[in-house]
Amino acid sequence: MSIQQTQGFCKTCNENVLATRQGRNHILHLLLSLVTGGLWLIVWIMLAITSKPWLCSKCGTKV
């Protein structure tokens, strides 16, 4: 998995912080979709809809 990073405001720390979240391995999902004849697309779409929240790199709360 990849790590995505962006700038965000943390209400707990009361400052702009580096926000991170886990990304998706799209190449793996594409290969699984091809191998399973497209059946894996259902899982891939569900994972894309339920993406992980951005978290403060200092305290770990949602940004």
PDB file of N, CA and C in Angstrom:
ATOM      1  N   MET A   1       0.829  -1.177   0.000  1.00  0.00           N
ATOM      2  CA  MET A   1       0.000   0.000   0.000  1.00  0.00           C
ATOM      3  C   MET A   1       0.877   1.246   0.000  1.00  0.00           C
ATOM      4  N   SER A   2       0.330   2.262  -0.573  1.00  0.00           N
ATOM      5  CA  SER A   2       1.043   3.536  -0.617  1.00  0.00           C
ATOM      6  C   SER A   2       0.526   4.455   0.490  1.00  0.00           C
ATOM      7  N   ILE A   3       1.306   5.450   0.796  1.00  0.00           N
ATOM      8  CA  ILE A   3       0.918   6.461   1.781  1.00  0.00           C
ATOM      9  C   ILE A   3       0.690   7.771   1.039  1.00  0.00           C
ATOM     10  N   GLN A   4      -0.513   8.329   1.180  1.00  0.00           N
ATOM     11  CA  GLN A   4      -0.831   9.617   0.573  1.00  0.00           C
ATOM     12  C   GLN A   4      -0.668  10.695   1.640  1.00  0.00           C
ATOM     13  N   GLN A   5      -0.170  11.862   1.228  1.00  0.00           N
ATOM     14  CA  GLN A   5       0.045  12.951   2.166  1.00  0.00           C
ATOM     15  C   GLN A   5      -0.523  14.253   1.608  1.00  0.00           C
ATOM     16  N   THR A   6      -1.044  15.080   2.511  1.00  0.00           N
ATOM     17  CA  THR A   6      -1.545  16.403   2.149  1.00  0.00           C
ATOM     18  C   THR A   6      -1.454  17.313   3.374  1.00  0.00           C
ATOM     19  N   GLN A   7      -1.717  18.564   3.182  1.00  0.00           N
ATOM     20  CA  GLN A   7      -1.731  19.539   4.272  1.00  0.00           C
ATOM     21  C   GLN A   7      -3.166  19.676   4.764  1.00  0.00           C
ATOM     22  N   GLY A   8      -3.360  19.746   6.075  1.00  0.00           N
ATOM     23  CA  GLY A   8      -4.698  19.894   6.618  1.00  0.00           C
ATOM     24  C   GLY A   8      -4.661  20.563   7.981  1.00  0.00           C
ATOM     25  N   PHE A   9      -5.827  21.026   8.437  1.00  0.00           N
ATOM     26  CA  PHE A   9      -5.926  21.679   9.745  1.00  0.00           C
ATOM     27  C   PHE A   9      -6.454  20.681  10.765  1.00  0.00           C
ATOM     28  N   CYS A  10      -5.700  20.477  11.825  1.00  0.00           N
ATOM     29  CA  CYS A  10      -6.099  19.571  12.913  1.00  0.00           C
ATOM     30  C   CYS A  10      -6.731  20.406  14.025  1.00  0.00           C
ATOM     31  N   LYS A  11      -7.981  20.086  14.372  1.00  0.00           N
ATOM     32  CA  LYS A  11      -8.675  20.814  15.427  1.00  0.00           C
ATOM     33  C   LYS A  11      -8.111  20.489  16.807  1.00  0.00           C
ATOM     34  N   THR A  12      -7.563  19.292  16.971  1.00  0.00           N
ATOM     35  CA  THR A  12      -6.985  18.908  18.257  1.00  0.00           C
ATOM     36  C   THR A  12      -5.680  19.649  18.510  1.00  0.00           C
ATOM     37  N   CYS A  13      -4.804  19.665  17.495  1.00  0.00           N
ATOM     38  CA  CYS A  13      -3.513  20.362  17.622  1.00  0.00           C
ATOM     39  C   CYS A  13      -3.663  21.868  17.407  1.00  0.00           C
ATOM     40  N   ASN A  14      -4.778  22.291  16.797  1.00  0.00           N
ATOM     41  CA  ASN A  14      -5.079  23.687  16.499  1.00  0.00           C
ATOM     42  C   ASN A  14      -4.025  24.326  15.591  1.00  0.00           C
ATOM     43  N   GLU A  15      -3.593  23.590  14.568  1.00  0.00           N
ATOM     44  CA  GLU A  15      -2.615  24.104  13.617  1.00  0.00           C
ATOM     45  C   GLU A  15      -2.662  23.296  12.316  1.00  0.00           C
ATOM     46  N   ASN A  16      -2.042  23.844  11.274  1.00  0.00           N
ATOM     47  CA  ASN A  16      -1.902  23.118  10.020  1.00  0.00           C
ATOM     48  C   ASN A  16      -0.842  22.036  10.194  1.00  0.00           C
ATOM     49  N   VAL A  17      -1.182  20.824   9.781  1.00  0.00           N
ATOM     50  CA  VAL A  17      -0.282  19.679   9.962  1.00  0.00           C
ATOM     51  C   VAL A  17      -0.231  18.863   8.676  1.00  0.00           C
ATOM     52  N   LEU A  18       0.708  17.939   8.642  1.00  0.00           N
ATOM     53  CA  LEU A  18       0.781  16.978   7.558  1.00  0.00           C
ATOM     54  C   LEU A  18      -0.248  15.891   7.829  1.00  0.00           C
ATOM     55  N   ALA A  19      -1.174  15.686   6.901  1.00  0.00           N
ATOM     56  CA  ALA A  19      -2.196  14.663   7.049  1.00  0.00           C
ATOM     57  C   ALA A  19      -1.852  13.499   6.126  1.00  0.00           C
ATOM     58  N   THR A  20      -2.006  12.281   6.634  1.00  0.00           N
ATOM     59  CA  THR A  20      -1.665  11.088   5.853  1.00  0.00           C
ATOM     60  C   THR A  20      -2.827  10.101   5.855  1.00  0.00           C
ATOM     61  N   ARG A  21      -2.835   9.231   4.842  1.00  0.00           N
ATOM     62  CA  ARG A  21      -3.773   8.116   4.812  1.00  0.00           C
ATOM     63  C   ARG A  21      -3.187   7.032   3.917  1.00  0.00           C
ATOM     64  N   GLN A  22      -3.681   5.823   4.086  1.00  0.00           N
ATOM     65  CA  GLN A  22      -3.214   4.716   3.272  1.00  0.00           C
ATOM     66  C   GLN A  22      -3.916   4.763   1.919  1.00  0.00           C
ATOM     67  N   GLY A  23      -3.140   4.555   0.864  1.00  0.00           N
ATOM     68  CA  GLY A  23      -3.693   4.546  -0.479  1.00  0.00           C
ATOM     69  C   GLY A  23      -3.989   3.132  -0.951  1.00  0.00           C
ATOM     70  N   ARG A  24      -4.378   3.002  -2.181  1.00  0.00           N
ATOM     71  CA  ARG A  24      -4.698   1.708  -2.783  1.00  0.00           C
ATOM     72  C   ARG A  24      -3.636   1.334  -3.804  1.00  0.00           C
ATOM     73  N   ASN A  25      -3.422   0.036  -3.981  1.00  0.00           N
ATOM     74  CA  ASN A  25      -2.515  -0.474  -4.997  1.00  0.00           C
ATOM     75  C   ASN A  25      -3.347  -0.765  -6.246  1.00  0.00           C
ATOM     76  N   HIS A  26      -3.474   0.227  -7.126  1.00  0.00           N
ATOM     77  CA  HIS A  26      -4.349   0.104  -8.283  1.00  0.00           C
ATOM     78  C   HIS A  26      -3.852  -0.925  -9.298  1.00  0.00           C
ATOM     79  N   ILE A  27      -2.550  -1.101  -9.399  1.00  0.00           N
ATOM     80  CA  ILE A  27      -2.013  -2.102 -10.330  1.00  0.00           C
ATOM     81  C   ILE A  27      -2.438  -3.500  -9.901  1.00  0.00           C
ATOM     82  N   LEU A  28      -2.347  -3.789  -8.615  1.00  0.00           N
ATOM     83  CA  LEU A  28      -2.772  -5.095  -8.105  1.00  0.00           C
ATOM     84  C   LEU A  28      -4.256  -5.314  -8.364  1.00  0.00           C
ATOM     85  N   HIS A  29      -5.080  -4.304  -8.113  1.00  0.00           N
ATOM     86  CA  HIS A  29      -6.521  -4.443  -8.334  1.00  0.00           C
ATOM     87  C   HIS A  29      -6.839  -4.633  -9.820  1.00  0.00           C
ATOM     88  N   LEU A  30      -6.101  -3.956 -10.685  1.00  0.00           N
ATOM     89  CA  LEU A  30      -6.295  -4.139 -12.118  1.00  0.00           C
ATOM     90  C   LEU A  30      -5.948  -5.560 -12.537  1.00  0.00           C
ATOM     91  N   LEU A  31      -4.836  -6.086 -12.049  1.00  0.00           N
ATOM     92  CA  LEU A  31      -4.444  -7.459 -12.377  1.00  0.00           C
ATOM     93  C   LEU A  31      -5.455  -8.471 -11.847  1.00  0.00           C
ATOM     94  N   LEU A  32      -5.925  -8.265 -10.628  1.00  0.00           N
ATOM     95  CA  LEU A  32      -6.941  -9.163 -10.072  1.00  0.00           C
ATOM     96  C   LEU A  32      -8.244  -9.101 -10.867  1.00  0.00           C
ATOM     97  N   SER A  33      -8.589  -7.922 -11.356  1.00  0.00           N
ATOM     98  CA  SER A  33      -9.794  -7.782 -12.176  1.00  0.00           C
ATOM     99  C   SER A  33      -9.651  -8.535 -13.480  1.00  0.00           C
ATOM    100  N   LEU A  34      -8.477  -8.468 -14.087  1.00  0.00           N
ATOM    101  CA  LEU A  34      -8.241  -9.182 -15.341  1.00  0.00           C
ATOM    102  C   LEU A  34      -8.241 -10.693 -15.131  1.00  0.00           C
ATOM    103  N   VAL A  35      -7.598 -11.154 -14.067  1.00  0.00           N
ATOM    104  CA  VAL A  35      -7.503 -12.595 -13.796  1.00  0.00           C
ATOM    105  C   VAL A  35      -8.868 -13.194 -13.468  1.00  0.00           C
ATOM    106  N   THR A  36      -9.713 -12.445 -12.747  1.00  0.00           N
ATOM    107  CA  THR A  36     -11.022 -12.973 -12.339  1.00  0.00           C
ATOM    108  C   THR A  36     -12.127 -12.650 -13.343  1.00  0.00           C
ATOM    109  N   GLY A  37     -11.763 -12.131 -14.481  1.00  0.00           N
ATOM    110  CA  GLY A  37     -12.774 -11.828 -15.500  1.00  0.00           C
ATOM    111  C   GLY A  37     -13.684 -10.680 -15.122  1.00  0.00           C
ATOM    112  N   GLY A  38     -13.191  -9.738 -14.336  1.00  0.00           N
ATOM    113  CA  GLY A  38     -13.979  -8.570 -13.958  1.00  0.00           C
ATOM    114  C   GLY A  38     -14.718  -8.690 -12.639  1.00  0.00           C
ATOM    115  N   LEU A  39     -14.724  -9.876 -12.031  1.00  0.00           N
ATOM    116  CA  LEU A  39     -15.434 -10.040 -10.758  1.00  0.00           C
ATOM    117  C   LEU A  39     -14.810  -9.212  -9.638  1.00  0.00           C
ATOM    118  N   TRP A  40     -13.509  -9.009  -9.702  1.00  0.00           N
ATOM    119  CA  TRP A  40     -12.827  -8.232  -8.665  1.00  0.00           C
ATOM    120  C   TRP A  40     -13.200  -6.751  -8.732  1.00  0.00           C
ATOM    121  N   LEU A  41     -13.790  -6.313  -9.835  1.00  0.00           N
ATOM    122  CA  LEU A  41     -14.197  -4.905  -9.950  1.00  0.00           C
ATOM    123  C   LEU A  41     -15.184  -4.513  -8.853  1.00  0.00           C
ATOM    124  N   ILE A  42     -16.007  -5.450  -8.443  1.00  0.00           N
ATOM    125  CA  ILE A  42     -16.982  -5.177  -7.375  1.00  0.00           C
ATOM    126  C   ILE A  42     -16.251  -4.821  -6.082  1.00  0.00           C
ATOM    127  N   VAL A  43     -15.228  -5.612  -5.748  1.00  0.00           N
ATOM    128  CA  VAL A  43     -14.444  -5.350  -4.538  1.00  0.00           C
ATOM    129  C   VAL A  43     -13.692  -4.033  -4.663  1.00  0.00           C
ATOM    130  N   TRP A  44     -13.108  -3.800  -5.838  1.00  0.00           N
ATOM    131  CA  TRP A  44     -12.322  -2.592  -6.081  1.00  0.00           C
ATOM    132  C   TRP A  44     -13.197  -1.346  -5.913  1.00  0.00           C
ATOM    133  N   ILE A  45     -14.397  -1.384  -6.449  1.00  0.00           N
ATOM    134  CA  ILE A  45     -15.318  -0.250  -6.335  1.00  0.00           C
ATOM    135  C   ILE A  45     -15.720  -0.026  -4.879  1.00  0.00           C
ATOM    136  N   MET A  46     -15.992  -1.100  -4.147  1.00  0.00           N
ATOM    137  CA  MET A  46     -16.358  -0.967  -2.730  1.00  0.00           C
ATOM    138  C   MET A  46     -15.209  -0.369  -1.920  1.00  0.00           C
ATOM    139  N   LEU A  47     -13.979  -0.774  -2.222  1.00  0.00           N
ATOM    140  CA  LEU A  47     -12.820  -0.211  -1.524  1.00  0.00           C
ATOM    141  C   LEU A  47     -12.634   1.266  -1.867  1.00  0.00           C
ATOM    142  N   ALA A  48     -12.910   1.639  -3.100  1.00  0.00           N
ATOM    143  CA  ALA A  48     -12.774   3.035  -3.513  1.00  0.00           C
ATOM    144  C   ALA A  48     -13.816   3.921  -2.828  1.00  0.00           C
ATOM    145  N   ILE A  49     -15.007   3.396  -2.627  1.00  0.00           N
ATOM    146  CA  ILE A  49     -16.075   4.163  -1.970  1.00  0.00           C
ATOM    147  C   ILE A  49     -15.763   4.369  -0.488  1.00  0.00           C
ATOM    148  N   THR A  50     -15.203   3.360   0.155  1.00  0.00           N
ATOM    149  CA  THR A  50     -14.921   3.420   1.592  1.00  0.00           C
ATOM    150  C   THR A  50     -13.443   3.729   1.824  1.00  0.00           C
ATOM    151  N   SER A  51     -12.997   4.881   1.337  1.00  0.00           N
ATOM    152  CA  SER A  51     -11.592   5.245   1.494  1.00  0.00           C
ATOM    153  C   SER A  51     -11.289   5.606   2.945  1.00  0.00           C
ATOM    154  N   LYS A  52     -10.043   5.452   3.307  1.00  0.00           N
ATOM    155  CA  LYS A  52      -9.586   5.743   4.667  1.00  0.00           C
ATOM    156  C   LYS A  52      -9.598   7.253   4.910  1.00  0.00           C
ATOM    157  N   PRO A  53      -9.835   7.690   6.154  1.00  0.00           N
ATOM    158  CA  PRO A  53      -9.841   9.129   6.454  1.00  0.00           C
ATOM    159  C   PRO A  53      -8.421   9.688   6.544  1.00  0.00           C
ATOM    160  N   TRP A  54      -8.311  10.989   6.369  1.00  0.00           N
ATOM    161  CA  TRP A  54      -7.032  11.678   6.557  1.00  0.00           C
ATOM    162  C   TRP A  54      -6.783  11.790   8.055  1.00  0.00           C
ATOM    163  N   LEU A  55      -5.551  11.464   8.490  1.00  0.00           N
ATOM    164  CA  LEU A  55      -5.202  11.505   9.914  1.00  0.00           C
ATOM    165  C   LEU A  55      -4.061  12.487  10.142  1.00  0.00           C
ATOM    166  N   CYS A  56      -4.110  13.176  11.268  1.00  0.00           N
ATOM    167  CA  CYS A  56      -3.058  14.096  11.676  1.00  0.00           C
ATOM    168  C   CYS A  56      -1.787  13.296  11.956  1.00  0.00           C
ATOM    169  N   SER A  57      -0.652  13.749  11.439  1.00  0.00           N
ATOM    170  CA  SER A  57       0.608  13.035  11.653  1.00  0.00           C
ATOM    171  C   SER A  57       1.153  13.248  13.072  1.00  0.00           C
ATOM    172  N   LYS A  58       0.630  14.229  13.797  1.00  0.00           N
ATOM    173  CA  LYS A  58       1.099  14.492  15.169  1.00  0.00           C
ATOM    174  C   LYS A  58       0.300  13.709  16.211  1.00  0.00           C
ATOM    175  N   CYS A  59      -1.033  13.832  16.150  1.00  0.00           N
ATOM    176  CA  CYS A  59      -1.856  13.228  17.200  1.00  0.00           C
ATOM    177  C   CYS A  59      -2.686  12.020  16.725  1.00  0.00           C
ATOM    178  N   GLY A  60      -2.848  11.872  15.411  1.00  0.00           N
ATOM    179  CA  GLY A  60      -3.571  10.711  14.888  1.00  0.00           C
ATOM    180  C   GLY A  60      -5.070  10.867  14.764  1.00  0.00           C
ATOM    181  N   THR A  61      -5.622  12.046  15.047  1.00  0.00           N
ATOM    182  CA  THR A  61      -7.065  12.251  14.922  1.00  0.00           C
ATOM    183  C   THR A  61      -7.417  12.594  13.469  1.00  0.00           C
ATOM    184  N   LYS A  62      -8.713  12.486  13.147  1.00  0.00           N
ATOM    185  CA  LYS A  62      -9.164  12.819  11.802  1.00  0.00           C
ATOM    186  C   LYS A  62      -8.965  14.296  11.504  1.00  0.00           C
ATOM    187  N   VAL A  63      -8.556  14.584  10.280  1.00  0.00           N
ATOM    188  CA  VAL A  63      -8.347  15.972   9.871  1.00  0.00           C
ATOM    189  C   VAL A  63      -9.506  16.379   8.987  1.00  0.00           C
TER     190      VAL A  63
END
